[in-house]
Amino acid sequence: MTGALTPEAPARTKPGLTRRPWFKPALGILLLAIILFWAPVLGLLTASGKVSDEIDRGADQVNIVVKLAVEPDQYHRETLSELGVYSGRDREDATILRLRAVTQPDLDRIARFFWVESIEPF
């Protein structure tokens, strides 16, 4: 049987990265870690630039105006109320909230929220 076609054995290749058994679980864990930790990391990286230099960092407590990146809802107001005395929001710009009697450690915590744009003195 000359000229008869005989099937050739397929060439052996290394499995691609996506075919390795550990790849999909590792990718899932990586995506979950990004989802869980991106906001705190982003807040930590940008916190130093949010607090105005005009705020007295030597005082025990300060009164501040917090500008948010989003329209505040109940969650934002309650979270900020735990760190200072909530005294209302600006009449013209709803993203600006006022807080009184904020301690220095709480001021730093507020600056680490990723939804806070800036902090000015009141």
PDB file of N, CA and C in Angstrom:
ATOM      1  N   MET A   1       0.823  -1.173   0.000  1.00  0.00           N
ATOM      2  CA  MET A   1       0.000   0.000   0.000  1.00  0.00           C
ATOM      3  C   MET A   1       0.869   1.238   0.000  1.00  0.00           C
ATOM      4  N   THR A   2       1.367   1.419  -1.109  1.00  0.00           N
ATOM      5  CA  THR A   2       2.132   2.636  -1.232  1.00  0.00           C
ATOM      6  C   THR A   2       1.180   3.761  -1.574  1.00  0.00           C
ATOM      7  N   GLY A   3       1.464   4.870  -1.070  1.00  0.00           N
ATOM      8  CA  GLY A   3       0.634   6.030  -1.347  1.00  0.00           C
ATOM      9  C   GLY A   3      -0.583   6.140  -0.445  1.00  0.00           C
ATOM     10  N   ALA A   4      -0.814   5.187   0.433  1.00  0.00           N
ATOM     11  CA  ALA A   4      -1.956   5.277   1.346  1.00  0.00           C
ATOM     12  C   ALA A   4      -1.654   6.313   2.429  1.00  0.00           C
ATOM     13  N   LEU A   5      -2.638   7.045   2.753  1.00  0.00           N
ATOM     14  CA  LEU A   5      -2.462   8.064   3.778  1.00  0.00           C
ATOM     15  C   LEU A   5      -2.523   7.416   5.154  1.00  0.00           C
ATOM     16  N   THR A   6      -1.529   7.674   5.919  1.00  0.00           N
ATOM     17  CA  THR A   6      -1.523   7.177   7.295  1.00  0.00           C
ATOM     18  C   THR A   6      -1.582   8.383   8.221  1.00  0.00           C
ATOM     19  N   PRO A   7      -2.403   8.315   9.233  1.00  0.00           N
ATOM     20  CA  PRO A   7      -2.479   9.470  10.136  1.00  0.00           C
ATOM     21  C   PRO A   7      -1.179   9.627  10.918  1.00  0.00           C
ATOM     22  N   GLU A   8      -0.747  10.842  10.998  1.00  0.00           N
ATOM     23  CA  GLU A   8       0.462  11.131  11.749  1.00  0.00           C
ATOM     24  C   GLU A   8       0.076  11.493  13.172  1.00  0.00           C
ATOM     25  N   ALA A   9       0.920  11.157  14.087  1.00  0.00           N
ATOM     26  CA  ALA A   9       0.684  11.525  15.478  1.00  0.00           C
ATOM     27  C   ALA A   9       0.826  13.045  15.599  1.00  0.00           C
ATOM     28  N   PRO A  10      -0.091  13.698  16.311  1.00  0.00           N
ATOM     29  CA  PRO A  10       0.019  15.152  16.455  1.00  0.00           C
ATOM     30  C   PRO A  10       1.295  15.525  17.214  1.00  0.00           C
ATOM     31  N   ALA A  11       1.831  16.654  16.835  1.00  0.00           N
ATOM     32  CA  ALA A  11       3.047  17.124  17.487  1.00  0.00           C
ATOM     33  C   ALA A  11       2.733  17.452  18.946  1.00  0.00           C
ATOM     34  N   ARG A  12       3.622  17.094  19.810  1.00  0.00           N
ATOM     35  CA  ARG A  12       3.429  17.333  21.232  1.00  0.00           C
ATOM     36  C   ARG A  12       3.868  18.761  21.537  1.00  0.00           C
ATOM     37  N   THR A  13       2.963  19.552  22.106  1.00  0.00           N
ATOM     38  CA  THR A  13       3.283  20.937  22.464  1.00  0.00           C
ATOM     39  C   THR A  13       3.016  21.131  23.945  1.00  0.00           C
ATOM     40  N   LYS A  14       3.650  22.135  24.479  1.00  0.00           N
ATOM     41  CA  LYS A  14       3.414  22.471  25.881  1.00  0.00           C
ATOM     42  C   LYS A  14       2.030  23.088  26.000  1.00  0.00           C
ATOM     43  N   PRO A  15       1.324  22.805  27.082  1.00  0.00           N
ATOM     44  CA  PRO A  15       0.019  23.435  27.244  1.00  0.00           C
ATOM     45  C   PRO A  15       0.181  24.938  27.463  1.00  0.00           C
ATOM     46  N   GLY A  16      -0.747  25.705  26.923  1.00  0.00           N
ATOM     47  CA  GLY A  16      -0.703  27.153  27.094  1.00  0.00           C
ATOM     48  C   GLY A  16      -0.977  27.539  28.544  1.00  0.00           C
ATOM     49  N   LEU A  17      -0.728  28.774  28.857  1.00  0.00           N
ATOM     50  CA  LEU A  17      -0.913  29.262  30.229  1.00  0.00           C
ATOM     51  C   LEU A  17      -2.342  29.063  30.697  1.00  0.00           C
ATOM     52  N   THR A  18      -3.299  29.313  29.825  1.00  0.00           N
ATOM     53  CA  THR A  18      -4.702  29.205  30.233  1.00  0.00           C
ATOM     54  C   THR A  18      -5.152  27.766  30.404  1.00  0.00           C
ATOM     55  N   ARG A  19      -4.366  26.781  29.935  1.00  0.00           N
ATOM     56  CA  ARG A  19      -4.751  25.374  30.082  1.00  0.00           C
ATOM     57  C   ARG A  19      -4.141  24.737  31.331  1.00  0.00           C
ATOM     58  N   ARG A  20      -3.340  25.472  32.029  1.00  0.00           N
ATOM     59  CA  ARG A  20      -2.739  24.918  33.246  1.00  0.00           C
ATOM     60  C   ARG A  20      -3.803  24.884  34.339  1.00  0.00           C
ATOM     61  N   PRO A  21      -3.817  23.855  35.173  1.00  0.00           N
ATOM     62  CA  PRO A  21      -4.903  23.700  36.143  1.00  0.00           C
ATOM     63  C   PRO A  21      -4.951  24.786  37.216  1.00  0.00           C
ATOM     64  N   TRP A  22      -3.880  25.456  37.476  1.00  0.00           N
ATOM     65  CA  TRP A  22      -3.852  26.469  38.527  1.00  0.00           C
ATOM     66  C   TRP A  22      -4.242  27.854  38.023  1.00  0.00           C
ATOM     67  N   PHE A  23      -4.314  28.048  36.712  1.00  0.00           N
ATOM     68  CA  PHE A  23      -4.485  29.389  36.156  1.00  0.00           C
ATOM     69  C   PHE A  23      -5.843  30.005  36.501  1.00  0.00           C
ATOM     70  N   LYS A  24      -6.928  29.300  36.258  1.00  0.00           N
ATOM     71  CA  LYS A  24      -8.253  29.877  36.489  1.00  0.00           C
ATOM     72  C   LYS A  24      -8.509  30.190  37.967  1.00  0.00           C
ATOM     73  N   PRO A  25      -8.173  29.304  38.910  1.00  0.00           N
ATOM     74  CA  PRO A  25      -8.352  29.684  40.322  1.00  0.00           C
ATOM     75  C   PRO A  25      -7.477  30.870  40.725  1.00  0.00           C
ATOM     76  N   ALA A  26      -6.255  30.916  40.211  1.00  0.00           N
ATOM     77  CA  ALA A  26      -5.361  32.036  40.540  1.00  0.00           C
ATOM     78  C   ALA A  26      -5.908  33.340  39.982  1.00  0.00           C
ATOM     79  N   LEU A  27      -6.436  33.302  38.773  1.00  0.00           N
ATOM     80  CA  LEU A  27      -7.025  34.496  38.175  1.00  0.00           C
ATOM     81  C   LEU A  27      -8.249  34.947  38.977  1.00  0.00           C
ATOM     82  N   GLY A  28      -9.065  34.002  39.418  1.00  0.00           N
ATOM     83  CA  GLY A  28     -10.231  34.338  40.232  1.00  0.00           C
ATOM     84  C   GLY A  28      -9.839  34.977  41.550  1.00  0.00           C
ATOM     85  N   ILE A  29      -8.819  34.434  42.201  1.00  0.00           N
ATOM     86  CA  ILE A  29      -8.346  35.005  43.473  1.00  0.00           C
ATOM     87  C   ILE A  29      -7.773  36.398  43.248  1.00  0.00           C
ATOM     88  N   LEU A  30      -7.029  36.596  42.174  1.00  0.00           N
ATOM     89  CA  LEU A  30      -6.474  37.908  41.859  1.00  0.00           C
ATOM     90  C   LEU A  30      -7.582  38.941  41.629  1.00  0.00           C
ATOM     91  N   LEU A  31      -8.597  38.586  40.862  1.00  0.00           N
ATOM     92  CA  LEU A  31      -9.710  39.509  40.616  1.00  0.00           C
ATOM     93  C   LEU A  31     -10.469  39.820  41.899  1.00  0.00           C
ATOM     94  N   LEU A  32     -10.671  38.846  42.744  1.00  0.00           N
ATOM     95  CA  LEU A  32     -11.343  39.063  44.022  1.00  0.00           C
ATOM     96  C   LEU A  32     -10.533  40.001  44.908  1.00  0.00           C
ATOM     97  N   ALA A  33      -9.224  39.820  44.943  1.00  0.00           N
ATOM     98  CA  ALA A  33      -8.356  40.697  45.732  1.00  0.00           C
ATOM     99  C   ALA A  33      -8.410  42.132  45.214  1.00  0.00           C
ATOM    100  N   ILE A  34      -8.426  42.301  43.916  1.00  0.00           N
ATOM    101  CA  ILE A  34      -8.514  43.648  43.337  1.00  0.00           C
ATOM    102  C   ILE A  34      -9.839  44.299  43.720  1.00  0.00           C
ATOM    103  N   ILE A  35     -10.920  43.551  43.626  1.00  0.00           N
ATOM    104  CA  ILE A  35     -12.236  44.094  43.964  1.00  0.00           C
ATOM    105  C   ILE A  35     -12.292  44.494  45.436  1.00  0.00           C
ATOM    106  N   LEU A  36     -11.747  43.672  46.315  1.00  0.00           N
ATOM    107  CA  LEU A  36     -11.834  43.942  47.750  1.00  0.00           C
ATOM    108  C   LEU A  36     -10.897  45.047  48.219  1.00  0.00           C
ATOM    109  N   PHE A  37      -9.727  45.166  47.602  1.00  0.00           N
ATOM    110  CA  PHE A  37      -8.706  46.056  48.155  1.00  0.00           C
ATOM    111  C   PHE A  37      -8.407  47.293  47.328  1.00  0.00           C
ATOM    112  N   TRP A  38      -9.056  47.498  46.185  1.00  0.00           N
ATOM    113  CA  TRP A  38      -8.702  48.656  45.373  1.00  0.00           C
ATOM    114  C   TRP A  38      -9.112  49.965  46.052  1.00  0.00           C
ATOM    115  N   ALA A  39     -10.274  50.004  46.693  1.00  0.00           N
ATOM    116  CA  ALA A  39     -10.747  51.246  47.302  1.00  0.00           C
ATOM    117  C   ALA A  39      -9.867  51.680  48.472  1.00  0.00           C
ATOM    118  N   PRO A  40      -9.551  50.799  49.434  1.00  0.00           N
ATOM    119  CA  PRO A  40      -8.674  51.241  50.523  1.00  0.00           C
ATOM    120  C   PRO A  40      -7.280  51.643  50.044  1.00  0.00           C
ATOM    121  N   VAL A  41      -6.751  50.926  49.082  1.00  0.00           N
ATOM    122  CA  VAL A  41      -5.421  51.263  48.576  1.00  0.00           C
ATOM    123  C   VAL A  41      -5.450  52.604  47.848  1.00  0.00           C
ATOM    124  N   LEU A  42      -6.473  52.821  47.037  1.00  0.00           N
ATOM    125  CA  LEU A  42      -6.614  54.101  46.347  1.00  0.00           C
ATOM    126  C   LEU A  42      -6.749  55.244  47.349  1.00  0.00           C
ATOM    127  N   GLY A  43      -7.554  55.050  48.381  1.00  0.00           N
ATOM    128  CA  GLY A  43      -7.714  56.072  49.414  1.00  0.00           C
ATOM    129  C   GLY A  43      -6.421  56.360  50.147  1.00  0.00           C
ATOM    130  N   LEU A  44      -5.666  55.324  50.456  1.00  0.00           N
ATOM    131  CA  LEU A  44      -4.400  55.492  51.155  1.00  0.00           C
ATOM    132  C   LEU A  44      -3.394  56.256  50.301  1.00  0.00           C
ATOM    133  N   LEU A  45      -3.363  55.963  49.012  1.00  0.00           N
ATOM    134  CA  LEU A  45      -2.420  56.623  48.121  1.00  0.00           C
ATOM    135  C   LEU A  45      -2.742  58.096  47.898  1.00  0.00           C
ATOM    136  N   THR A  46      -4.024  58.454  47.951  1.00  0.00           N
ATOM    137  CA  THR A  46      -4.421  59.831  47.650  1.00  0.00           C
ATOM    138  C   THR A  46      -4.740  60.663  48.887  1.00  0.00           C
ATOM    139  N   ALA A  47      -4.658  60.092  50.085  1.00  0.00           N
ATOM    140  CA  ALA A  47      -5.081  60.779  51.307  1.00  0.00           C
ATOM    141  C   ALA A  47      -4.291  62.050  51.590  1.00  0.00           C
ATOM    142  N   SER A  48      -3.002  62.042  51.363  1.00  0.00           N
ATOM    143  CA  SER A  48      -2.177  63.199  51.727  1.00  0.00           C
ATOM    144  C   SER A  48      -2.522  64.442  50.917  1.00  0.00           C
ATOM    145  N   GLY A  49      -2.996  64.287  49.712  1.00  0.00           N
ATOM    146  CA  GLY A  49      -3.320  65.437  48.882  1.00  0.00           C
ATOM    147  C   GLY A  49      -4.726  65.975  49.088  1.00  0.00           C
ATOM    148  N   LYS A  50      -5.528  65.335  49.920  1.00  0.00           N
ATOM    149  CA  LYS A  50      -6.909  65.764  50.119  1.00  0.00           C
ATOM    150  C   LYS A  50      -7.077  66.797  51.221  1.00  0.00           C
ATOM    151  N   VAL A  51      -6.213  66.773  52.221  1.00  0.00           N
ATOM    152  CA  VAL A  51      -6.346  67.659  53.376  1.00  0.00           C
ATOM    153  C   VAL A  51      -5.663  68.992  53.075  1.00  0.00           C
ATOM    154  N   SER A  52      -6.422  70.073  53.240  1.00  0.00           N
ATOM    155  CA  SER A  52      -5.903  71.412  52.981  1.00  0.00           C
ATOM    156  C   SER A  52      -4.801  71.766  53.979  1.00  0.00           C
ATOM    157  N   ASP A  53      -3.823  72.550  53.521  1.00  0.00           N
ATOM    158  CA  ASP A  53      -2.751  73.019  54.402  1.00  0.00           C
ATOM    159  C   ASP A  53      -3.256  74.046  55.412  1.00  0.00           C
ATOM    160  N   GLU A  54      -4.436  74.615  55.175  1.00  0.00           N
ATOM    161  CA  GLU A  54      -5.000  75.620  56.069  1.00  0.00           C
ATOM    162  C   GLU A  54      -5.597  75.019  57.342  1.00  0.00           C
ATOM    163  N   ILE A  55      -5.778  73.712  57.379  1.00  0.00           N
ATOM    164  CA  ILE A  55      -6.330  73.064  58.570  1.00  0.00           C
ATOM    165  C   ILE A  55      -5.253  73.000  59.641  1.00  0.00           C
ATOM    166  N   ASP A  56      -5.621  73.397  60.857  1.00  0.00           N
ATOM    167  CA  ASP A  56      -4.690  73.414  61.994  1.00  0.00           C
ATOM    168  C   ASP A  56      -4.447  71.980  62.458  1.00  0.00           C
ATOM    169  N   ARG A  57      -3.294  71.428  62.099  1.00  0.00           N
ATOM    170  CA  ARG A  57      -2.980  70.048  62.462  1.00  0.00           C
ATOM    171  C   ARG A  57      -2.527  69.923  63.916  1.00  0.00           C
ATOM    172  N   GLY A  58      -2.337  71.039  64.614  1.00  0.00           N
ATOM    173  CA  GLY A  58      -1.932  70.996  66.016  1.00  0.00           C
ATOM    174  C   GLY A  58      -3.112  71.001  66.979  1.00  0.00           C
ATOM    175  N   ALA A  59      -4.300  71.341  66.491  1.00  0.00           N
ATOM    176  CA  ALA A  59      -5.483  71.411  67.355  1.00  0.00           C
ATOM    177  C   ALA A  59      -6.001  70.005  67.654  1.00  0.00           C
ATOM    178  N   ASP A  60      -6.628  69.870  68.829  1.00  0.00           N
ATOM    179  CA  ASP A  60      -7.216  68.575  69.191  1.00  0.00           C
ATOM    180  C   ASP A  60      -8.379  68.230  68.274  1.00  0.00           C
ATOM    181  N   GLN A  61      -9.241  69.216  68.014  1.00  0.00           N
ATOM    182  CA  GLN A  61     -10.402  69.012  67.153  1.00  0.00           C
ATOM    183  C   GLN A  61     -10.507  70.154  66.155  1.00  0.00           C
ATOM    184  N   VAL A  62     -11.005  69.849  64.982  1.00  0.00           N
ATOM    185  CA  VAL A  62     -11.166  70.865  63.939  1.00  0.00           C
ATOM    186  C   VAL A  62     -12.563  70.757  63.336  1.00  0.00           C
ATOM    187  N   ASN A  63     -13.017  71.859  62.772  1.00  0.00           N
ATOM    188  CA  ASN A  63     -14.268  71.889  62.014  1.00  0.00           C
ATOM    189  C   ASN A  63     -13.886  71.898  60.542  1.00  0.00           C
ATOM    190  N   ILE A  64     -14.507  71.021  59.764  1.00  0.00           N
ATOM    191  CA  ILE A  64     -14.086  70.864  58.378  1.00  0.00           C
ATOM    192  C   ILE A  64     -15.275  70.844  57.420  1.00  0.00           C
ATOM    193  N   VAL A  65     -14.960  71.114  56.168  1.00  0.00           N
ATOM    194  CA  VAL A  65     -15.899  70.981  55.059  1.00  0.00           C
ATOM    195  C   VAL A  65     -15.342  69.870  54.174  1.00  0.00           C
ATOM    196  N   VAL A  66     -16.160  68.857  53.937  1.00  0.00           N
ATOM    197  CA  VAL A  66     -15.733  67.692  53.154  1.00  0.00           C
ATOM    198  C   VAL A  66     -16.435  67.734  51.806  1.00  0.00           C
ATOM    199  N   LYS A  67     -15.658  67.729  50.736  1.00  0.00           N
ATOM    200  CA  LYS A  67     -16.209  67.666  49.374  1.00  0.00           C
ATOM    201  C   LYS A  67     -16.117  66.219  48.913  1.00  0.00           C
ATOM    202  N   LEU A  68     -17.272  65.662  48.542  1.00  0.00           N
ATOM    203  CA  LEU A  68     -17.333  64.278  48.096  1.00  0.00           C
ATOM    204  C   LEU A  68     -17.287  64.197  46.576  1.00  0.00           C
ATOM    205  N   ALA A  69     -16.840  63.065  46.070  1.00  0.00           N
ATOM    206  CA  ALA A  69     -16.788  62.833  44.628  1.00  0.00           C
ATOM    207  C   ALA A  69     -18.139  62.369  44.099  1.00  0.00           C
ATOM    208  N   VAL A  70     -19.036  62.021  44.992  1.00  0.00           N
ATOM    209  CA  VAL A  70     -20.353  61.504  44.618  1.00  0.00           C
ATOM    210  C   VAL A  70     -21.429  62.268  45.384  1.00  0.00           C
ATOM    211  N   GLU A  71     -22.655  62.148  44.925  1.00  0.00           N
ATOM    212  CA  GLU A  71     -23.789  62.701  45.660  1.00  0.00           C
ATOM    213  C   GLU A  71     -23.942  61.889  46.952  1.00  0.00           C
ATOM    214  N   PRO A  72     -23.912  62.538  48.124  1.00  0.00           N
ATOM    215  CA  PRO A  72     -23.960  61.768  49.366  1.00  0.00           C
ATOM    216  C   PRO A  72     -25.321  61.115  49.588  1.00  0.00           C
ATOM    217  N   ASP A  73     -25.269  59.922  50.134  1.00  0.00           N
ATOM    218  CA  ASP A  73     -26.504  59.253  50.534  1.00  0.00           C
ATOM    219  C   ASP A  73     -26.392  58.940  52.025  1.00  0.00           C
ATOM    220  N   GLN A  74     -27.288  58.150  52.533  1.00  0.00           N
ATOM    221  CA  GLN A  74     -27.325  57.870  53.964  1.00  0.00           C
ATOM    222  C   GLN A  74     -26.025  57.232  54.451  1.00  0.00           C
ATOM    223  N   TYR A  75     -25.449  56.350  53.664  1.00  0.00           N
ATOM    224  CA  TYR A  75     -24.198  55.698  54.059  1.00  0.00           C
ATOM    225  C   TYR A  75     -23.094  56.728  54.305  1.00  0.00           C
ATOM    226  N   HIS A  76     -22.922  57.672  53.392  1.00  0.00           N
ATOM    227  CA  HIS A  76     -21.863  58.676  53.525  1.00  0.00           C
ATOM    228  C   HIS A  76     -22.095  59.547  54.751  1.00  0.00           C
ATOM    229  N   ARG A  77     -23.328  59.994  54.939  1.00  0.00           N
ATOM    230  CA  ARG A  77     -23.633  60.844  56.098  1.00  0.00           C
ATOM    231  C   ARG A  77     -23.419  60.097  57.404  1.00  0.00           C
ATOM    232  N   GLU A  78     -23.867  58.849  57.489  1.00  0.00           N
ATOM    233  CA  GLU A  78     -23.692  58.078  58.725  1.00  0.00           C
ATOM    234  C   GLU A  78     -22.224  57.775  58.998  1.00  0.00           C
ATOM    235  N   THR A  79     -21.467  57.453  57.960  1.00  0.00           N
ATOM    236  CA  THR A  79     -20.045  57.161  58.139  1.00  0.00           C
ATOM    237  C   THR A  79     -19.307  58.395  58.642  1.00  0.00           C
ATOM    238  N   LEU A  80     -19.592  59.548  58.055  1.00  0.00           N
ATOM    239  CA  LEU A  80     -18.934  60.775  58.501  1.00  0.00           C
ATOM    240  C   LEU A  80     -19.421  61.207  59.882  1.00  0.00           C
ATOM    241  N   SER A  81     -20.689  60.923  60.214  1.00  0.00           N
ATOM    242  CA  SER A  81     -21.230  61.270  61.531  1.00  0.00           C
ATOM    243  C   SER A  81     -20.544  60.496  62.646  1.00  0.00           C
ATOM    244  N   GLU A  82     -20.032  59.323  62.338  1.00  0.00           N
ATOM    245  CA  GLU A  82     -19.291  58.549  63.332  1.00  0.00           C
ATOM    246  C   GLU A  82     -17.925  59.162  63.627  1.00  0.00           C
ATOM    247  N   LEU A  83     -17.426  60.013  62.739  1.00  0.00           N
ATOM    248  CA  LEU A  83     -16.090  60.590  62.881  1.00  0.00           C
ATOM    249  C   LEU A  83     -16.114  62.057  63.275  1.00  0.00           C
ATOM    250  N   GLY A  84     -17.270  62.654  63.322  1.00  0.00           N
ATOM    251  CA  GLY A  84     -17.428  64.055  63.717  1.00  0.00           C
ATOM    252  C   GLY A  84     -18.905  64.361  63.840  1.00  0.00           C
ATOM    253  N   VAL A  85     -19.212  65.574  64.254  1.00  0.00           N
ATOM    254  CA  VAL A  85     -20.604  65.977  64.396  1.00  0.00           C
ATOM    255  C   VAL A  85     -21.083  66.535  63.059  1.00  0.00           C
ATOM    256  N   TYR A  86     -22.032  65.847  62.454  1.00  0.00           N
ATOM    257  CA  TYR A  86     -22.566  66.265  61.158  1.00  0.00           C
ATOM    258  C   TYR A  86     -23.361  67.544  61.337  1.00  0.00           C
ATOM    259  N   SER A  87     -23.015  68.594  60.576  1.00  0.00           N
ATOM    260  CA  SER A  87     -23.724  69.858  60.693  1.00  0.00           C
ATOM    261  C   SER A  87     -24.374  70.321  59.413  1.00  0.00           C
ATOM    262  N   GLY A  88     -24.706  69.418  58.539  1.00  0.00           N
ATOM    263  CA  GLY A  88     -25.443  69.772  57.339  1.00  0.00           C
ATOM    264  C   GLY A  88     -24.592  69.783  56.093  1.00  0.00           C
ATOM    265  N   ARG A  89     -25.250  70.187  55.008  1.00  0.00           N
ATOM    266  CA  ARG A  89     -24.556  70.256  53.730  1.00  0.00           C
ATOM    267  C   ARG A  89     -24.748  71.629  53.120  1.00  0.00           C
ATOM    268  N   ASP A  90     -23.993  71.897  52.106  1.00  0.00           N
ATOM    269  CA  ASP A  90     -24.034  73.182  51.428  1.00  0.00           C
ATOM    270  C   ASP A  90     -25.346  73.313  50.649  1.00  0.00           C
ATOM    271  N   ARG A  91     -25.909  74.508  50.630  1.00  0.00           N
ATOM    272  CA  ARG A  91     -27.185  74.713  49.927  1.00  0.00           C
ATOM    273  C   ARG A  91     -27.033  74.635  48.410  1.00  0.00           C
ATOM    274  N   GLU A  92     -25.913  75.097  47.906  1.00  0.00           N
ATOM    275  CA  GLU A  92     -25.728  75.154  46.456  1.00  0.00           C
ATOM    276  C   GLU A  92     -25.073  73.901  45.883  1.00  0.00           C
ATOM    277  N   ASP A  93     -24.169  73.301  46.626  1.00  0.00           N
ATOM    278  CA  ASP A  93     -23.467  72.103  46.153  1.00  0.00           C
ATOM    279  C   ASP A  93     -23.746  70.959  47.126  1.00  0.00           C
ATOM    280  N   ALA A  94     -24.540  70.001  46.688  1.00  0.00           N
ATOM    281  CA  ALA A  94     -24.963  68.898  47.561  1.00  0.00           C
ATOM    282  C   ALA A  94     -23.822  67.960  47.922  1.00  0.00           C
ATOM    283  N   THR A  95     -22.700  68.043  47.226  1.00  0.00           N
ATOM    284  CA  THR A  95     -21.583  67.140  47.524  1.00  0.00           C
ATOM    285  C   THR A  95     -20.683  67.681  48.635  1.00  0.00           C
ATOM    286  N   ILE A  96     -21.023  68.813  49.210  1.00  0.00           N
ATOM    287  CA  ILE A  96     -20.219  69.407  50.275  1.00  0.00           C
ATOM    288  C   ILE A  96     -20.956  69.240  51.602  1.00  0.00           C
ATOM    289  N   LEU A  97     -20.273  68.583  52.558  1.00  0.00           N
ATOM    290  CA  LEU A  97     -20.834  68.339  53.890  1.00  0.00           C
ATOM    291  C   LEU A  97     -19.961  69.009  54.936  1.00  0.00           C
ATOM    292  N   ARG A  98     -20.573  69.443  56.048  1.00  0.00           N
ATOM    293  CA  ARG A  98     -19.843  70.083  57.140  1.00  0.00           C
ATOM    294  C   ARG A  98     -19.783  69.154  58.343  1.00  0.00           C
ATOM    295  N   LEU A  99     -18.607  69.092  58.955  1.00  0.00           N
ATOM    296  CA  LEU A  99     -18.418  68.307  60.170  1.00  0.00           C
ATOM    297  C   LEU A  99     -17.735  69.170  61.218  1.00  0.00           C
ATOM    298  N   ARG A 100     -18.165  69.023  62.452  1.00  0.00           N
ATOM    299  CA  ARG A 100     -17.547  69.743  63.579  1.00  0.00           C
ATOM    300  C   ARG A 100     -16.895  68.733  64.515  1.00  0.00           C
ATOM    301  N   ALA A 101     -15.952  69.210  65.296  1.00  0.00           N
ATOM    302  CA  ALA A 101     -15.292  68.443  66.355  1.00  0.00           C
ATOM    303  C   ALA A 101     -14.681  67.138  65.824  1.00  0.00           C
ATOM    304  N   VAL A 102     -13.934  67.246  64.738  1.00  0.00           N
ATOM    305  CA  VAL A 102     -13.249  66.089  64.158  1.00  0.00           C
ATOM    306  C   VAL A 102     -11.846  66.026  64.752  1.00  0.00           C
ATOM    307  N   THR A 103     -11.497  64.876  65.321  1.00  0.00           N
ATOM    308  CA  THR A 103     -10.152  64.718  65.886  1.00  0.00           C
ATOM    309  C   THR A 103      -9.145  64.499  64.752  1.00  0.00           C
ATOM    310  N   GLN A 104      -7.873  64.668  65.064  1.00  0.00           N
ATOM    311  CA  GLN A 104      -6.831  64.497  64.051  1.00  0.00           C
ATOM    312  C   GLN A 104      -6.773  63.067  63.498  1.00  0.00           C
ATOM    313  N   PRO A 105      -6.873  62.031  64.330  1.00  0.00           N
ATOM    314  CA  PRO A 105      -6.893  60.673  63.754  1.00  0.00           C
ATOM    315  C   PRO A 105      -8.118  60.445  62.860  1.00  0.00           C
ATOM    316  N   ASP A 106      -9.271  61.007  63.246  1.00  0.00           N
ATOM    317  CA  ASP A 106     -10.472  60.858  62.417  1.00  0.00           C
ATOM    318  C   ASP A 106     -10.356  61.660  61.124  1.00  0.00           C
ATOM    319  N   LEU A 107      -9.655  62.779  61.172  1.00  0.00           N
ATOM    320  CA  LEU A 107      -9.403  63.561  59.965  1.00  0.00           C
ATOM    321  C   LEU A 107      -8.601  62.730  58.963  1.00  0.00           C
ATOM    322  N   ASP A 108      -7.616  62.016  59.461  1.00  0.00           N
ATOM    323  CA  ASP A 108      -6.828  61.142  58.588  1.00  0.00           C
ATOM    324  C   ASP A 108      -7.676  59.994  58.040  1.00  0.00           C
ATOM    325  N   ARG A 109      -8.578  59.457  58.854  1.00  0.00           N
ATOM    326  CA  ARG A 109      -9.465  58.386  58.380  1.00  0.00           C
ATOM    327  C   ARG A 109     -10.400  58.891  57.286  1.00  0.00           C
ATOM    328  N   ILE A 110     -10.927  60.100  57.457  1.00  0.00           N
ATOM    329  CA  ILE A 110     -11.811  60.678  56.442  1.00  0.00           C
ATOM    330  C   ILE A 110     -11.058  60.859  55.125  1.00  0.00           C
ATOM    331  N   ALA A 111      -9.822  61.314  55.207  1.00  0.00           N
ATOM    332  CA  ALA A 111      -9.019  61.542  53.998  1.00  0.00           C
ATOM    333  C   ALA A 111      -8.750  60.245  53.244  1.00  0.00           C
ATOM    334  N   ARG A 112      -8.782  59.101  53.920  1.00  0.00           N
ATOM    335  CA  ARG A 112      -8.514  57.821  53.259  1.00  0.00           C
ATOM    336  C   ARG A 112      -9.722  57.241  52.526  1.00  0.00           C
ATOM    337  N   PHE A 113     -10.909  57.830  52.717  1.00  0.00           N
ATOM    338  CA  PHE A 113     -12.071  57.358  51.963  1.00  0.00           C
ATOM    339  C   PHE A 113     -11.895  57.754  50.502  1.00  0.00           C
ATOM    340  N   PHE A 114     -12.050  56.798  49.595  1.00  0.00           N
ATOM    341  CA  PHE A 114     -11.826  57.100  48.182  1.00  0.00           C
ATOM    342  C   PHE A 114     -12.892  58.032  47.631  1.00  0.00           C
ATOM    343  N   TRP A 115     -14.053  58.137  48.269  1.00  0.00           N
ATOM    344  CA  TRP A 115     -15.131  58.988  47.780  1.00  0.00           C
ATOM    345  C   TRP A 115     -15.030  60.416  48.305  1.00  0.00           C
ATOM    346  N   VAL A 116     -13.981  60.727  49.050  1.00  0.00           N
ATOM    347  CA  VAL A 116     -13.727  62.095  49.506  1.00  0.00           C
ATOM    348  C   VAL A 116     -12.760  62.752  48.546  1.00  0.00           C
ATOM    349  N   GLU A 117     -13.150  63.918  48.022  1.00  0.00           N
ATOM    350  CA  GLU A 117     -12.274  64.649  47.091  1.00  0.00           C
ATOM    351  C   GLU A 117     -11.306  65.568  47.814  1.00  0.00           C
ATOM    352  N   SER A 118     -11.847  66.361  48.753  1.00  0.00           N
ATOM    353  CA  SER A 118     -11.003  67.324  49.449  1.00  0.00           C
ATOM    354  C   SER A 118     -11.600  67.644  50.821  1.00  0.00           C
ATOM    355  N   ILE A 119     -10.722  68.161  51.701  1.00  0.00           N
ATOM    356  CA  ILE A 119     -11.116  68.549  53.051  1.00  0.00           C
ATOM    357  C   ILE A 119     -10.551  69.948  53.297  1.00  0.00           C
ATOM    358  N   GLU A 120     -11.441  70.865  53.614  1.00  0.00           N
ATOM    359  CA  GLU A 120     -11.077  72.263  53.858  1.00  0.00           C
ATOM    360  C   GLU A 120     -11.497  72.652  55.279  1.00  0.00           C
ATOM    361  N   PRO A 121     -10.940  73.731  55.830  1.00  0.00           N
ATOM    362  CA  PRO A 121     -11.410  74.192  57.144  1.00  0.00           C
ATOM    363  C   PRO A 121     -12.804  74.807  57.035  1.00  0.00           C
ATOM    364  N   PHE A 122     -13.544  74.733  58.115  1.00  0.00           N
ATOM    365  CA  PHE A 122     -14.914  75.266  58.158  1.00  0.00           C
ATOM    366  C   PHE A 122     -14.870  76.644  58.768  1.00  0.00           C
TER     367      PHE A 122
END
